[in-house]
Amino acid sequence: ALAVDGMQWVLLPLVIGGAASPINDAMDV
């Protein structure tokens, strides 16, 4: 949980633009 929450902060610039949003959602599932 700590690793994934930290990784989501690192990927924040990609997720905001929407490019990595499907990857982020898949990671949460």
Full PDB file with SEQRES, HELIX, SHEET, SSBOND, CRYST1, ORIGX, SCALE, CONECT and MASTER records, all heavy atoms in Angstrom:
SEQRES   1 A   29  ALA LEU ALA VAL ASP GLY MET GLN TRP VAL LEU LEU PRO          
SEQRES   2 A   29  LEU VAL ILE GLY GLY ALA ALA SER PRO ILE ASN ASP ALA          
SEQRES   3 A   29  MET ASP VAL                                                  
HELIX    1 AA1 LEU A    2  VAL A   10  1                                   9    
HELIX    2 AA2 LEU A   12  GLY A   17  1                                   6    
HELIX    3 AA3 SER A   21  ASP A   28  1                                   8    
CRYST1    1.000    1.000    1.000  90.00  90.00  90.00 P 1           1          
ORIGX1      1.000000  0.000000  0.000000        0.00000                         
ORIGX2      0.000000  1.000000  0.000000        0.00000                         
ORIGX3      0.000000  0.000000  1.000000        0.00000                         
SCALE1      1.000000  0.000000  0.000000        0.00000                         
SCALE2      0.000000  1.000000  0.000000        0.00000                         
SCALE3      0.000000  0.000000  1.000000        0.00000                         
ATOM      1  N   ALA A   1       0.832  -1.208   0.000  1.00  0.00           N  
ATOM      2  CA  ALA A   1       0.000   0.000   0.000  1.00  0.00           C  
ATOM      3  C   ALA A   1       0.868   1.260   0.000  1.00  0.00           C  
ATOM      4  O   ALA A   1       0.593   2.205  -0.746  1.00  0.00           O  
ATOM      5  CB  ALA A   1      -0.931  -0.013   1.205  1.00  0.00           C  
ATOM      6  N   LEU A   2       1.897   1.278   0.814  1.00  0.00           N  
ATOM      7  CA  LEU A   2       2.807   2.435   0.840  1.00  0.00           C  
ATOM      8  C   LEU A   2       3.499   2.618  -0.503  1.00  0.00           C  
ATOM      9  O   LEU A   2       3.626   3.746  -1.001  1.00  0.00           O  
ATOM     10  CB  LEU A   2       3.846   2.269   1.949  1.00  0.00           C  
ATOM     11  CG  LEU A   2       3.346   2.475   3.370  1.00  0.00           C  
ATOM     12  CD1 LEU A   2       4.378   1.975   4.375  1.00  0.00           C  
ATOM     13  CD2 LEU A   2       3.041   3.939   3.608  1.00  0.00           C  
ATOM     14  N   ALA A   3       3.943   1.516  -1.100  1.00  0.00           N  
ATOM     15  CA  ALA A   3       4.634   1.592  -2.391  1.00  0.00           C  
ATOM     16  C   ALA A   3       3.702   2.100  -3.489  1.00  0.00           C  
ATOM     17  O   ALA A   3       4.084   2.953  -4.298  1.00  0.00           O  
ATOM     18  CB  ALA A   3       5.201   0.223  -2.760  1.00  0.00           C  
ATOM     19  N   VAL A   4       2.488   1.596  -3.519  1.00  0.00           N  
ATOM     20  CA  VAL A   4       1.544   2.010  -4.568  1.00  0.00           C  
ATOM     21  C   VAL A   4       1.120   3.465  -4.367  1.00  0.00           C  
ATOM     22  O   VAL A   4       1.068   4.226  -5.337  1.00  0.00           O  
ATOM     23  CB  VAL A   4       0.324   1.068  -4.598  1.00  0.00           C  
ATOM     24  CG1 VAL A   4      -0.779   1.618  -5.476  1.00  0.00           C  
ATOM     25  CG2 VAL A   4       0.753  -0.299  -5.088  1.00  0.00           C  
ATOM     26  N   ASP A   5       0.835   3.851  -3.145  1.00  0.00           N  
ATOM     27  CA  ASP A   5       0.469   5.250  -2.896  1.00  0.00           C  
ATOM     28  C   ASP A   5       1.623   6.183  -3.254  1.00  0.00           C  
ATOM     29  O   ASP A   5       1.418   7.246  -3.836  1.00  0.00           O  
ATOM     30  CB  ASP A   5       0.042   5.448  -1.444  1.00  0.00           C  
ATOM     31  CG  ASP A   5      -1.362   4.930  -1.175  1.00  0.00           C  
ATOM     32  OD1 ASP A   5      -2.155   4.805  -2.131  1.00  0.00           O  
ATOM     33  OD2 ASP A   5      -1.667   4.645   0.002  1.00  0.00           O  
ATOM     34  N   GLY A   6       2.835   5.780  -2.947  1.00  0.00           N  
ATOM     35  CA  GLY A   6       4.008   6.583  -3.322  1.00  0.00           C  
ATOM     36  C   GLY A   6       4.205   6.637  -4.825  1.00  0.00           C  
ATOM     37  O   GLY A   6       4.525   7.689  -5.391  1.00  0.00           O  
ATOM     38  N   MET A   7       3.990   5.507  -5.495  1.00  0.00           N  
ATOM     39  CA  MET A   7       4.140   5.453  -6.947  1.00  0.00           C  
ATOM     40  C   MET A   7       3.101   6.356  -7.631  1.00  0.00           C  
ATOM     41  O   MET A   7       3.393   6.983  -8.643  1.00  0.00           O  
ATOM     42  CB  MET A   7       3.983   4.017  -7.437  1.00  0.00           C  
ATOM     43  CG  MET A   7       4.355   3.835  -8.877  1.00  0.00           C  
ATOM     44  SD  MET A   7       4.136   2.139  -9.490  1.00  0.00           S  
ATOM     45  CE  MET A   7       4.632   1.137  -8.131  1.00  0.00           C  
ATOM     46  N   GLN A   8       1.917   6.422  -7.065  1.00  0.00           N  
ATOM     47  CA  GLN A   8       0.892   7.275  -7.655  1.00  0.00           C  
ATOM     48  C   GLN A   8       1.252   8.756  -7.526  1.00  0.00           C  
ATOM     49  O   GLN A   8       0.889   9.551  -8.386  1.00  0.00           O  
ATOM     50  CB  GLN A   8      -0.468   6.969  -7.039  1.00  0.00           C  
ATOM     51  CG  GLN A   8      -0.993   5.640  -7.534  1.00  0.00           C  
ATOM     52  CD  GLN A   8      -2.300   5.229  -6.901  1.00  0.00           C  
ATOM     53  OE1 GLN A   8      -2.624   5.646  -5.789  1.00  0.00           O  
ATOM     54  NE2 GLN A   8      -3.054   4.407  -7.600  1.00  0.00           N  
ATOM     55  N   TRP A   9       1.971   9.121  -6.485  1.00  0.00           N  
ATOM     56  CA  TRP A   9       2.443  10.501  -6.376  1.00  0.00           C  
ATOM     57  C   TRP A   9       3.535  10.779  -7.406  1.00  0.00           C  
ATOM     58  O   TRP A   9       3.602  11.858  -7.975  1.00  0.00           O  
ATOM     59  CB  TRP A   9       2.979  10.782  -4.968  1.00  0.00           C  
ATOM     60  CG  TRP A   9       1.895  11.224  -4.063  1.00  0.00           C  
ATOM     61  CD1 TRP A   9       1.188  10.447  -3.202  1.00  0.00           C  
ATOM     62  CD2 TRP A   9       1.362  12.540  -3.940  1.00  0.00           C  
ATOM     63  NE1 TRP A   9       0.251  11.201  -2.544  1.00  0.00           N  
ATOM     64  CE2 TRP A   9       0.335  12.495  -2.985  1.00  0.00           C  
ATOM     65  CE3 TRP A   9       1.649  13.754  -4.545  1.00  0.00           C  
ATOM     66  CZ2 TRP A   9      -0.398  13.613  -2.621  1.00  0.00           C  
ATOM     67  CZ3 TRP A   9       0.916  14.869  -4.175  1.00  0.00           C  
ATOM     68  CH2 TRP A   9      -0.088  14.788  -3.234  1.00  0.00           C  
ATOM     69  N   VAL A  10       4.402   9.794  -7.639  1.00  0.00           N  
ATOM     70  CA  VAL A  10       5.473   9.970  -8.624  1.00  0.00           C  
ATOM     71  C   VAL A  10       4.880  10.081 -10.025  1.00  0.00           C  
ATOM     72  O   VAL A  10       5.350  10.861 -10.855  1.00  0.00           O  
ATOM     73  CB  VAL A  10       6.483   8.799  -8.534  1.00  0.00           C  
ATOM     74  CG1 VAL A  10       7.458   8.823  -9.687  1.00  0.00           C  
ATOM     75  CG2 VAL A  10       7.221   8.846  -7.210  1.00  0.00           C  
ATOM     76  N   LEU A  11       3.829   9.302 -10.307  1.00  0.00           N  
ATOM     77  CA  LEU A  11       3.189   9.320 -11.623  1.00  0.00           C  
ATOM     78  C   LEU A  11       2.191  10.460 -11.789  1.00  0.00           C  
ATOM     79  O   LEU A  11       1.527  10.540 -12.828  1.00  0.00           O  
ATOM     80  CB  LEU A  11       2.480   7.987 -11.869  1.00  0.00           C  
ATOM     81  CG  LEU A  11       3.361   6.751 -11.954  1.00  0.00           C  
ATOM     82  CD1 LEU A  11       2.513   5.503 -12.106  1.00  0.00           C  
ATOM     83  CD2 LEU A  11       4.348   6.871 -13.099  1.00  0.00           C  
ATOM     84  N   LEU A  12       2.069  11.321 -10.800  1.00  0.00           N  
ATOM     85  CA  LEU A  12       1.089  12.409 -10.831  1.00  0.00           C  
ATOM     86  C   LEU A  12       1.142  13.246 -12.109  1.00  0.00           C  
ATOM     87  O   LEU A  12       0.100  13.521 -12.698  1.00  0.00           O  
ATOM     88  CB  LEU A  12       1.250  13.302  -9.595  1.00  0.00           C  
ATOM     89  CG  LEU A  12       0.282  14.473  -9.466  1.00  0.00           C  
ATOM     90  CD1 LEU A  12      -1.145  13.959  -9.327  1.00  0.00           C  
ATOM     91  CD2 LEU A  12       0.656  15.334  -8.274  1.00  0.00           C  
ATOM     92  N   PRO A  13       2.316  13.638 -12.615  1.00  0.00           N  
ATOM     93  CA  PRO A  13       2.327  14.440 -13.846  1.00  0.00           C  
ATOM     94  C   PRO A  13       1.709  13.703 -15.041  1.00  0.00           C  
ATOM     95  O   PRO A  13       1.085  14.317 -15.891  1.00  0.00           O  
ATOM     96  CB  PRO A  13       3.811  14.721 -14.095  1.00  0.00           C  
ATOM     97  CG  PRO A  13       4.452  14.568 -12.770  1.00  0.00           C  
ATOM     98  CD  PRO A  13       3.654  13.532 -12.037  1.00  0.00           C  
ATOM     99  N   LEU A  14       1.858  12.407 -15.113  1.00  0.00           N  
ATOM    100  CA  LEU A  14       1.262  11.646 -16.215  1.00  0.00           C  
ATOM    101  C   LEU A  14      -0.240  11.469 -16.040  1.00  0.00           C  
ATOM    102  O   LEU A  14      -0.992  11.491 -17.004  1.00  0.00           O  
ATOM    103  CB  LEU A  14       1.919  10.263 -16.322  1.00  0.00           C  
ATOM    104  CG  LEU A  14       3.386  10.237 -16.719  1.00  0.00           C  
ATOM    105  CD1 LEU A  14       3.913   8.814 -16.650  1.00  0.00           C  
ATOM    106  CD2 LEU A  14       3.551  10.802 -18.122  1.00  0.00           C  
ATOM    107  N   VAL A  15      -0.669  11.278 -14.805  1.00  0.00           N  
ATOM    108  CA  VAL A  15      -2.081  11.027 -14.528  1.00  0.00           C  
ATOM    109  C   VAL A  15      -2.908  12.286 -14.744  1.00  0.00           C  
ATOM    110  O   VAL A  15      -4.042  12.217 -15.215  1.00  0.00           O  
ATOM    111  CB  VAL A  15      -2.262  10.485 -13.094  1.00  0.00           C  
ATOM    112  CG1 VAL A  15      -3.716  10.305 -12.751  1.00  0.00           C  
ATOM    113  CG2 VAL A  15      -1.532   9.166 -12.951  1.00  0.00           C  
ATOM    114  N   ILE A  16      -2.361  13.452 -14.415  1.00  0.00           N  
ATOM    115  CA  ILE A  16      -3.107  14.700 -14.576  1.00  0.00           C  
ATOM    116  C   ILE A  16      -3.450  14.933 -16.042  1.00  0.00           C  
ATOM    117  O   ILE A  16      -4.550  15.328 -16.376  1.00  0.00           O  
ATOM    118  CB  ILE A  16      -2.320  15.895 -13.997  1.00  0.00           C  
ATOM    119  CG1 ILE A  16      -2.366  15.833 -12.484  1.00  0.00           C  
ATOM    120  CG2 ILE A  16      -2.891  17.214 -14.478  1.00  0.00           C  
ATOM    121  CD1 ILE A  16      -1.605  16.927 -11.795  1.00  0.00           C  
ATOM    122  N   GLY A  17      -2.508  14.630 -16.917  1.00  0.00           N  
ATOM    123  CA  GLY A  17      -2.764  14.790 -18.339  1.00  0.00           C  
ATOM    124  C   GLY A  17      -3.673  13.722 -18.899  1.00  0.00           C  
ATOM    125  O   GLY A  17      -4.164  13.839 -20.009  1.00  0.00           O  
ATOM    126  N   GLY A  18      -3.894  12.675 -18.156  1.00  0.00           N  
ATOM    127  CA  GLY A  18      -4.783  11.608 -18.598  1.00  0.00           C  
ATOM    128  C   GLY A  18      -4.076  10.485 -19.325  1.00  0.00           C  
ATOM    129  O   GLY A  18      -4.684   9.459 -19.617  1.00  0.00           O  
ATOM    130  N   ALA A  19      -2.782  10.625 -19.625  1.00  0.00           N  
ATOM    131  CA  ALA A  19      -2.079   9.604 -20.397  1.00  0.00           C  
ATOM    132  C   ALA A  19      -1.973   8.287 -19.646  1.00  0.00           C  
ATOM    133  O   ALA A  19      -2.157   7.218 -20.218  1.00  0.00           O  
ATOM    134  CB  ALA A  19      -0.687  10.107 -20.764  1.00  0.00           C  
ATOM    135  N   ALA A  20      -1.704   8.346 -18.358  1.00  0.00           N  
ATOM    136  CA  ALA A  20      -1.505   7.125 -17.579  1.00  0.00           C  
ATOM    137  C   ALA A  20      -2.709   6.784 -16.709  1.00  0.00           C  
ATOM    138  O   ALA A  20      -2.629   5.900 -15.874  1.00  0.00           O  
ATOM    139  CB  ALA A  20      -0.260   7.249 -16.708  1.00  0.00           C  
ATOM    140  N   SER A  21      -3.806   7.478 -16.923  1.00  0.00           N  
ATOM    141  CA  SER A  21      -4.978   7.222 -16.090  1.00  0.00           C  
ATOM    142  C   SER A  21      -5.474   5.778 -16.177  1.00  0.00           C  
ATOM    143  O   SER A  21      -5.786   5.189 -15.155  1.00  0.00           O  
ATOM    144  CB  SER A  21      -6.088   8.205 -16.440  1.00  0.00           C  
ATOM    145  OG  SER A  21      -7.179   8.029 -15.577  1.00  0.00           O  
ATOM    146  N   PRO A  22      -5.560   5.162 -17.372  1.00  0.00           N  
ATOM    147  CA  PRO A  22      -5.967   3.748 -17.412  1.00  0.00           C  
ATOM    148  C   PRO A  22      -4.988   2.827 -16.677  1.00  0.00           C  
ATOM    149  O   PRO A  22      -5.399   1.862 -16.037  1.00  0.00           O  
ATOM    150  CB  PRO A  22      -6.011   3.416 -18.903  1.00  0.00           C  
ATOM    151  CG  PRO A  22      -6.170   4.724 -19.589  1.00  0.00           C  
ATOM    152  CD  PRO A  22      -5.466   5.730 -18.712  1.00  0.00           C  
ATOM    153  N   ILE A  23      -3.710   3.148 -16.759  1.00  0.00           N  
ATOM    154  CA  ILE A  23      -2.710   2.345 -16.038  1.00  0.00           C  
ATOM    155  C   ILE A  23      -2.905   2.510 -14.541  1.00  0.00           C  
ATOM    156  O   ILE A  23      -2.837   1.547 -13.775  1.00  0.00           O  
ATOM    157  CB  ILE A  23      -1.285   2.752 -16.461  1.00  0.00           C  
ATOM    158  CG1 ILE A  23      -1.064   2.414 -17.938  1.00  0.00           C  
ATOM    159  CG2 ILE A  23      -0.233   2.088 -15.582  1.00  0.00           C  
ATOM    160  CD1 ILE A  23       0.198   2.983 -18.524  1.00  0.00           C  
ATOM    161  N   ASN A  24      -3.148   3.724 -14.103  1.00  0.00           N  
ATOM    162  CA  ASN A  24      -3.386   4.006 -12.691  1.00  0.00           C  
ATOM    163  C   ASN A  24      -4.630   3.270 -12.195  1.00  0.00           C  
ATOM    164  O   ASN A  24      -4.633   2.688 -11.108  1.00  0.00           O  
ATOM    165  CB  ASN A  24      -3.522   5.518 -12.493  1.00  0.00           C  
ATOM    166  CG  ASN A  24      -3.462   5.925 -11.045  1.00  0.00           C  
ATOM    167  OD1 ASN A  24      -2.877   5.248 -10.219  1.00  0.00           O  
ATOM    168  ND2 ASN A  24      -4.077   7.049 -10.737  1.00  0.00           N  
ATOM    169  N   ASP A  25      -5.698   3.288 -12.991  1.00  0.00           N  
ATOM    170  CA  ASP A  25      -6.930   2.587 -12.614  1.00  0.00           C  
ATOM    171  C   ASP A  25      -6.707   1.076 -12.550  1.00  0.00           C  
ATOM    172  O   ASP A  25      -7.181   0.408 -11.631  1.00  0.00           O  
ATOM    173  CB  ASP A  25      -8.057   2.916 -13.590  1.00  0.00           C  
ATOM    174  CG  ASP A  25      -8.485   4.367 -13.503  1.00  0.00           C  
ATOM    175  OD1 ASP A  25      -8.177   5.025 -12.485  1.00  0.00           O  
ATOM    176  OD2 ASP A  25      -9.129   4.843 -14.457  1.00  0.00           O  
ATOM    177  N   ALA A  26      -5.981   0.545 -13.524  1.00  0.00           N  
ATOM    178  CA  ALA A  26      -5.693  -0.895 -13.529  1.00  0.00           C  
ATOM    179  C   ALA A  26      -4.847  -1.272 -12.312  1.00  0.00           C  
ATOM    180  O   ALA A  26      -5.066  -2.321 -11.696  1.00  0.00           O  
ATOM    181  CB  ALA A  26      -4.973  -1.276 -14.822  1.00  0.00           C  
ATOM    182  N   MET A  27      -3.900  -0.410 -11.958  1.00  0.00           N  
ATOM    183  CA  MET A  27      -3.065  -0.671 -10.788  1.00  0.00           C  
ATOM    184  C   MET A  27      -3.919  -0.705  -9.520  1.00  0.00           C  
ATOM    185  O   MET A  27      -3.718  -1.559  -8.655  1.00  0.00           O  
ATOM    186  CB  MET A  27      -1.978   0.410 -10.675  1.00  0.00           C  
ATOM    187  CG  MET A  27      -0.976   0.161  -9.582  1.00  0.00           C  
ATOM    188  SD  MET A  27       0.476   1.246  -9.614  1.00  0.00           S  
ATOM    189  CE  MET A  27      -0.213   2.860  -9.823  1.00  0.00           C  
ATOM    190  N   ASP A  28      -4.915   0.178  -9.424  1.00  0.00           N  
ATOM    191  CA  ASP A  28      -5.797   0.188  -8.254  1.00  0.00           C  
ATOM    192  C   ASP A  28      -6.648  -1.076  -8.177  1.00  0.00           C  
ATOM    193  O   ASP A  28      -6.871  -1.609  -7.087  1.00  0.00           O  
ATOM    194  CB  ASP A  28      -6.694   1.422  -8.275  1.00  0.00           C  
ATOM    195  CG  ASP A  28      -5.938   2.688  -7.907  1.00  0.00           C  
ATOM    196  OD1 ASP A  28      -4.975   2.581  -7.113  1.00  0.00           O  
ATOM    197  OD2 ASP A  28      -6.305   3.761  -8.405  1.00  0.00           O  
ATOM    198  N   VAL A  29      -7.096  -1.583  -9.312  1.00  0.00           N  
ATOM    199  CA  VAL A  29      -7.880  -2.823  -9.322  1.00  0.00           C  
ATOM    200  C   VAL A  29      -7.021  -3.995  -8.855  1.00  0.00           C  
ATOM    201  O   VAL A  29      -7.443  -4.814  -8.030  1.00  0.00           O  
ATOM    202  CB  VAL A  29      -8.463  -3.095 -10.727  1.00  0.00           C  
ATOM    203  CG1 VAL A  29      -9.051  -4.489 -10.813  1.00  0.00           C  
ATOM    204  CG2 VAL A  29      -9.513  -2.049 -11.070  1.00  0.00           C  
TER     205      VAL A  29                                                      
MASTER        0    0    0    3    0    0    0    6  204    1    0    3          
END                                                                             
